[in-house]
N, C-alpha and C. Protein backbone atom coordinates (compact mmCIF):
# COMPACT_ATOMS: atom_id res chain seq x y z
N MET A 1 0.68 -1.43 0.39
CA MET A 1 -0.05 0.01 -0.14
C MET A 1 0.82 1.16 -0.08
N LEU A 2 0.93 2.16 -0.73
CA LEU A 2 1.46 3.21 -1.07
C LEU A 2 1.35 4.55 0.21
N THR A 3 2.00 4.99 0.75
CA THR A 3 1.54 6.40 1.33
C THR A 3 1.69 7.69 1.12
N MET A 4 0.91 8.38 1.81
CA MET A 4 0.94 9.55 1.50
C MET A 4 2.48 10.41 0.73
N ASN A 5 3.28 9.89 1.68
CA ASN A 5 4.54 10.41 0.80
C ASN A 5 5.05 9.51 -0.27
N ASP A 6 4.76 7.86 -0.38
CA ASP A 6 5.14 7.46 -2.06
C ASP A 6 4.58 8.46 -2.77
N ASP A 7 3.32 8.83 -2.30
CA ASP A 7 2.42 9.13 -3.71
C ASP A 7 3.14 10.58 -3.85
N LEU A 8 3.67 11.45 -2.86
CA LEU A 8 4.12 13.00 -3.20
C LEU A 8 5.48 12.53 -3.38
N GLU A 9 6.10 11.77 -3.63
CA GLU A 9 7.41 11.59 -4.31
C GLU A 9 7.25 11.43 -5.77
N GLY A 10 6.62 10.47 -5.81
CA GLY A 10 5.89 9.81 -7.21
C GLY A 10 5.70 11.25 -8.12
N ALA A 11 4.98 12.14 -7.53
CA ALA A 11 3.98 13.04 -8.50
C ALA A 11 5.16 14.02 -8.63
N LEU A 12 5.94 14.40 -7.69
CA LEU A 12 7.09 15.28 -7.54
C LEU A 12 8.08 14.52 -8.82
N LYS A 13 8.27 13.74 -9.02
CA LYS A 13 8.86 13.21 -10.02
C LYS A 13 8.32 13.31 -11.47
N ALA A 14 7.36 13.14 -11.51
CA ALA A 14 5.99 12.98 -12.54
C ALA A 14 6.19 14.83 -12.72
N TYR A 15 6.10 15.43 -11.95
CA TYR A 15 5.91 16.49 -12.16
C TYR A 15 7.22 17.31 -12.59
N LEU A 16 8.21 16.65 -12.61
CA LEU A 16 10.07 17.53 -12.96
C LEU A 16 9.64 16.81 -14.71
N LYS A 17 9.50 16.09 -14.49
CA LYS A 17 9.27 15.31 -16.29
C LYS A 17 8.32 16.28 -16.90
N LEU A 18 7.63 16.29 -16.76
CA LEU A 18 6.40 16.89 -16.95
C LEU A 18 6.27 18.43 -17.53
N LEU A 19 6.78 19.29 -16.54
CA LEU A 19 7.62 19.96 -16.79
C LEU A 19 8.66 20.47 -17.98
N ASP A 20 9.71 19.47 -17.80
CA ASP A 20 10.77 19.72 -19.01
C ASP A 20 9.89 19.02 -20.42
N GLU A 21 8.73 18.75 -20.77
CA GLU A 21 7.99 18.09 -21.36
C GLU A 21 7.00 19.24 -22.14
N GLU A 22 7.10 20.60 -21.16
CA GLU A 22 6.12 21.96 -21.32
C GLU A 22 4.49 20.85 -21.29
N ALA A 23 4.19 20.21 -20.60
CA ALA A 23 3.30 19.56 -20.64
C ALA A 23 2.71 19.80 -19.49
N TYR A 24 2.52 20.85 -19.25
CA TYR A 24 2.08 22.09 -18.20
C TYR A 24 0.55 21.35 -17.20
N PHE A 25 -0.51 21.26 -17.81
CA PHE A 25 -1.82 20.73 -17.52
C PHE A 25 -1.78 19.37 -17.11
N GLU A 26 -0.69 18.52 -17.57
CA GLU A 26 -0.31 16.88 -16.78
C GLU A 26 0.02 17.49 -15.29
N ALA A 27 1.49 18.49 -15.44
CA ALA A 27 2.31 18.26 -14.34
C ALA A 27 1.19 18.83 -13.12
N HIS A 28 -0.19 20.07 -13.61
CA HIS A 28 -0.67 20.33 -12.69
C HIS A 28 -1.55 19.32 -11.68
N GLU A 29 -1.88 17.94 -13.06
CA GLU A 29 -2.63 17.31 -12.66
C GLU A 29 -2.18 16.25 -11.89
N VAL A 30 -0.87 15.87 -11.90
CA VAL A 30 -0.68 15.14 -11.23
C VAL A 30 0.14 15.11 -9.81
N LEU A 31 0.51 16.55 -9.66
CA LEU A 31 0.92 16.86 -8.56
C LEU A 31 -0.51 17.14 -7.61
N GLU A 32 -1.86 17.47 -8.32
CA GLU A 32 -3.19 18.53 -7.68
C GLU A 32 -3.75 16.67 -6.93
N GLU A 33 -3.52 15.70 -7.58
CA GLU A 33 -3.86 14.09 -7.01
C GLU A 33 -3.11 14.23 -5.76
N ALA A 34 -1.65 14.35 -5.57
CA ALA A 34 -0.89 13.88 -4.94
C ALA A 34 -1.29 14.94 -3.38
N TRP A 35 -1.86 16.06 -3.62
CA TRP A 35 -2.19 17.71 -3.08
C TRP A 35 -3.30 17.06 -2.06
N HIS A 36 -4.21 16.55 -3.05
CA HIS A 36 -5.92 16.53 -1.99
C HIS A 36 -5.39 15.75 -0.57
N PRO A 37 -4.67 14.57 -0.79
CA PRO A 37 -4.79 13.66 0.75
C PRO A 37 -3.79 14.55 1.52
N LEU A 38 -2.65 15.63 1.04
CA LEU A 38 -2.03 16.42 1.90
C LEU A 38 -2.90 17.54 2.48
N ARG A 39 -3.65 18.24 1.63
CA ARG A 39 -4.82 18.84 2.09
C ARG A 39 -5.81 18.53 3.59
N LEU A 40 -6.20 17.66 3.06
CA LEU A 40 -7.12 16.93 3.78
C LEU A 40 -6.80 16.53 5.50
N ALA A 41 -5.56 16.03 4.99
CA ALA A 41 -4.59 15.85 6.51
C ALA A 41 -3.91 16.75 6.84
N ASP A 42 -3.91 18.24 6.30
CA ASP A 42 -3.74 19.36 6.55
C ASP A 42 -1.72 18.85 7.29
N HIS A 43 -1.48 18.56 6.41
CA HIS A 43 0.13 18.18 5.73
C HIS A 43 1.01 19.39 5.70
N PRO A 44 2.13 19.47 6.60
CA PRO A 44 2.88 20.90 6.88
C PRO A 44 3.00 21.54 4.92
N LEU A 45 3.52 20.30 3.96
CA LEU A 45 3.34 20.37 3.16
C LEU A 45 2.71 20.90 1.34
N LYS A 46 1.28 21.07 2.48
CA LYS A 46 0.15 21.50 1.54
C LYS A 46 0.24 22.22 1.07
N ASN A 47 0.64 23.78 1.43
CA ASN A 47 0.57 24.94 0.76
C ASN A 47 1.64 24.99 -0.53
N LEU A 48 3.07 24.80 -0.15
CA LEU A 48 4.47 24.45 -0.85
C LEU A 48 3.75 23.89 -2.33
N VAL A 49 2.71 22.66 -1.89
CA VAL A 49 2.36 22.01 -3.23
C VAL A 49 1.54 22.77 -3.85
N LYS A 50 0.75 23.09 -3.36
CA LYS A 50 -0.25 23.92 -4.20
C LYS A 50 0.54 24.80 -4.83
N GLY A 51 1.11 25.72 -4.32
CA GLY A 51 1.97 26.63 -5.15
C GLY A 51 2.81 26.28 -6.39
N PHE A 52 2.87 24.93 -6.07
CA PHE A 52 4.03 24.45 -7.19
C PHE A 52 2.97 24.02 -8.27
N ILE A 53 1.52 23.29 -8.07
CA ILE A 53 0.19 23.27 -8.97
C ILE A 53 0.05 24.71 -9.51
N ASN A 54 -0.22 25.59 -8.92
CA ASN A 54 -0.84 27.14 -9.76
C ASN A 54 0.64 27.30 -10.62
N ALA A 55 2.08 27.16 -10.18
CA ALA A 55 2.78 27.45 -11.14
C ALA A 55 2.92 26.71 -12.39
N ALA A 56 2.54 25.97 -12.59
CA ALA A 56 2.19 24.88 -13.98
C ALA A 56 0.83 25.75 -14.35
N VAL A 57 -0.21 25.76 -13.70
CA VAL A 57 -1.60 26.10 -14.39
C VAL A 57 -1.32 27.38 -14.96
N SER A 58 -0.33 28.53 -14.52
CA SER A 58 0.21 29.82 -15.44
C SER A 58 0.56 29.17 -15.84
N PHE A 59 2.19 28.63 -16.30
CA PHE A 59 2.21 28.22 -17.69
C PHE A 59 1.69 27.39 -18.44
N GLU A 60 0.73 26.86 -18.00
CA GLU A 60 -0.35 26.48 -19.10
C GLU A 60 -1.28 27.52 -19.45
N HIS A 61 -1.65 28.61 -19.03
CA HIS A 61 -2.22 29.87 -19.59
C HIS A 61 -1.61 30.58 -20.48
N LEU A 62 0.10 30.47 -20.24
CA LEU A 62 0.56 31.20 -21.42
C LEU A 62 0.57 30.30 -22.57
N LYS A 63 0.88 29.23 -22.41
CA LYS A 63 0.57 28.66 -23.38
C LYS A 63 -0.36 27.84 -24.56
N ARG A 64 -1.36 28.19 -23.85
CA ARG A 64 -2.27 28.18 -24.58
C ARG A 64 -3.08 29.61 -24.95
N ASN A 65 -2.14 30.74 -25.11
CA ASN A 65 -2.26 31.89 -25.18
C ASN A 65 -3.69 32.41 -25.37
N ARG A 66 -4.71 31.99 -24.57
CA ARG A 66 -5.82 32.55 -24.59
C ARG A 66 -6.03 33.95 -24.26
N THR A 67 -7.68 34.72 -24.60
CA THR A 67 -7.58 36.06 -24.16
C THR A 67 -6.88 36.04 -22.42
N ASP A 68 -6.56 37.39 -22.39
CA ASP A 68 -5.84 37.59 -21.12
C ASP A 68 -5.08 36.40 -19.90
N ALA A 69 -4.55 35.75 -21.07
CA ALA A 69 -3.48 35.09 -20.63
C ALA A 69 -2.46 35.01 -19.39
N GLU A 70 -1.74 36.61 -19.99
CA GLU A 70 -0.68 37.17 -19.40
C GLU A 70 -1.53 37.31 -17.63
N ARG A 71 -2.32 38.01 -17.59
CA ARG A 71 -3.14 38.78 -16.52
C ARG A 71 -3.66 37.41 -15.54
N LYS A 72 -4.13 36.39 -16.39
CA LYS A 72 -4.40 35.14 -15.57
C LYS A 72 -3.16 33.87 -14.90
N ALA A 73 -2.10 34.61 -15.75
CA ALA A 73 -0.59 33.42 -15.35
C ALA A 73 -0.11 34.57 -14.53
N ARG A 74 -0.16 35.81 -14.62
CA ARG A 74 0.32 36.04 -13.30
C ARG A 74 -0.56 36.61 -11.51
N ARG A 75 -1.95 36.01 -12.09
CA ARG A 75 -2.69 35.49 -10.70
C ARG A 75 -2.62 34.53 -10.16
N VAL A 76 -2.18 33.65 -10.98
CA VAL A 76 -1.75 32.01 -10.53
C VAL A 76 -0.61 31.66 -10.35
N MET A 77 0.50 32.40 -10.69
CA MET A 77 1.69 32.51 -10.12
C MET A 77 1.91 33.40 -8.72
N ALA A 78 0.42 34.13 -8.33
CA ALA A 78 1.51 34.88 -7.16
C ALA A 78 0.59 34.02 -5.97
N SER A 79 0.27 32.58 -6.09
CA SER A 79 -0.19 31.56 -5.08
C SER A 79 1.85 30.98 -5.11
N TYR A 80 2.25 30.69 -5.86
CA TYR A 80 4.03 30.14 -6.23
C TYR A 80 4.42 30.87 -5.32
N GLU A 81 4.24 32.32 -5.84
CA GLU A 81 4.98 33.26 -4.67
C GLU A 81 4.85 33.21 -3.12
N ARG A 82 3.94 33.61 -3.60
CA ARG A 82 2.82 33.36 -1.72
C ARG A 82 3.66 32.05 -0.70
N HIS A 83 3.86 30.97 -1.54
CA HIS A 83 4.27 29.78 -0.58
C HIS A 83 5.92 29.68 -1.07
N ILE A 84 6.24 29.65 -2.26
CA ILE A 84 8.05 28.88 -2.41
C ILE A 84 8.36 29.17 -0.97
N GLY A 85 7.72 30.40 0.01
CA GLY A 85 9.08 30.59 0.90
C GLY A 85 8.75 29.55 1.96
N LEU A 86 8.13 28.33 1.97
CA LEU A 86 7.81 27.22 2.64
C LEU A 86 8.90 26.49 2.16
N TYR A 87 9.89 26.75 1.46
CA TYR A 87 10.58 25.29 0.59
C TYR A 87 11.64 25.96 1.79
N ASN A 88 12.61 24.59 2.54
CA ASN A 88 13.75 24.67 3.04
C ASN A 88 14.72 23.56 2.90
N ASP A 89 15.83 23.28 3.31
CA ASP A 89 16.94 22.26 3.06
C ASP A 89 16.31 21.08 4.02
N GLU A 90 15.46 21.32 5.05
CA GLU A 90 15.40 20.43 5.80
C GLU A 90 13.77 19.73 5.47
N ILE A 91 12.80 20.29 4.43
CA ILE A 91 11.55 19.67 4.52
C ILE A 91 11.97 18.34 3.62
N ALA A 92 10.94 17.31 3.57
CA ALA A 92 10.52 16.34 3.17
C ALA A 92 10.61 16.80 1.66
N TYR A 93 11.32 15.24 0.73
CA TYR A 93 11.70 15.58 -0.33
C TYR A 93 12.33 17.02 -0.80
N ALA A 94 12.87 17.72 -0.36
CA ALA A 94 13.80 19.04 -0.26
C ALA A 94 14.41 18.76 -1.26
N GLU A 95 15.16 17.68 -1.95
CA GLU A 95 16.10 18.01 -2.90
C GLU A 95 14.85 18.13 -4.43
N LEU A 96 13.71 17.41 -4.61
CA LEU A 96 13.09 17.32 -5.77
C LEU A 96 12.24 18.68 -5.66
N PHE A 97 11.82 19.52 -4.29
CA PHE A 97 11.47 20.63 -4.34
C PHE A 97 12.15 21.45 -4.37
N LYS A 98 13.68 21.58 -4.75
CA LYS A 98 14.87 22.26 -4.79
C LYS A 98 14.64 21.81 -6.63
N GLN A 99 14.84 21.28 -7.22
CA GLN A 99 14.66 20.91 -8.65
C GLN A 99 13.74 21.53 -9.27
N ALA A 100 12.04 21.64 -8.92
CA ALA A 100 11.36 21.59 -9.00
C ALA A 100 10.81 23.42 -9.28
N LYS A 101 11.43 23.95 -7.73
CA LYS A 101 11.93 25.86 -7.63
C LYS A 101 12.43 26.12 -8.50
N ILE A 102 14.27 25.45 -9.52
CA ILE A 102 14.72 25.58 -10.53
C ILE A 102 14.09 25.72 -11.14
N LYS A 103 13.52 24.85 -11.68
CA LYS A 103 13.03 24.63 -13.11
C LYS A 103 11.50 25.64 -13.54
N VAL A 104 10.75 26.38 -12.31
CA VAL A 104 10.05 27.18 -12.48
C VAL A 104 10.66 29.07 -12.51
N GLU A 105 11.63 28.73 -11.73
CA GLU A 105 12.54 30.26 -11.94
C GLU A 105 12.95 30.45 -13.75
N ILE A 106 13.25 28.47 -14.11
CA ILE A 106 13.96 28.92 -15.38
C ILE A 106 12.55 29.31 -16.50
N LEU A 107 11.10 28.48 -16.46
CA LEU A 107 10.13 29.17 -16.65
C LEU A 107 9.83 30.58 -16.92
N LYS A 108 9.95 30.83 -15.79
CA LYS A 108 9.12 31.89 -15.45
C LYS A 108 10.30 33.37 -16.12
N SER A 109 11.57 33.05 -16.33
CA SER A 109 12.56 33.98 -17.10
C SER A 109 12.39 33.52 -18.50
N TYR A 110 11.67 32.52 -19.30
CA TYR A 110 11.20 32.77 -20.74
C TYR A 110 10.17 33.88 -20.72
N TYR A 111 9.44 34.32 -19.78
CA TYR A 111 8.31 35.29 -19.72
C TYR A 111 8.76 36.63 -19.17
N PRO A 112 10.00 37.46 -19.53
CA PRO A 112 10.03 38.42 -18.56
C PRO A 112 8.84 39.52 -18.29
N GLU A 113 8.30 39.49 -19.92
CA GLU A 113 7.35 40.42 -19.71
C GLU A 113 6.08 40.57 -19.18
N VAL A 114 5.92 39.22 -18.13
CA VAL A 114 4.67 38.76 -17.69
C VAL A 114 5.11 38.35 -16.22
N PHE A 115 6.53 38.42 -16.14
CA PHE A 115 6.64 38.01 -14.59
C PHE A 115 7.93 39.17 -14.18
């Protein structure tokens, strides 16, 4: 039986791979699936995970380039910005979160006019 932590570790690994593939919607989905039990258990990492979910959503808005995509991307990215301060080297899966943070920051740098 998988534990909440196993699910989170696998989800983070999948999230990283999906970001590399520019599959932002799928990245959001895989992490959101692991986030639900964290949220229900009031796990200390729930808000950090939510921030990464919203970062992926932000890039999906830009990828789809629909009406008002830049405003929507900035609004959703605000959740990531609000919660990224919860990351530190002492949390569970710190290395995976660190890799995710680096990937998100690189992706943000591709859109200087937005972020």
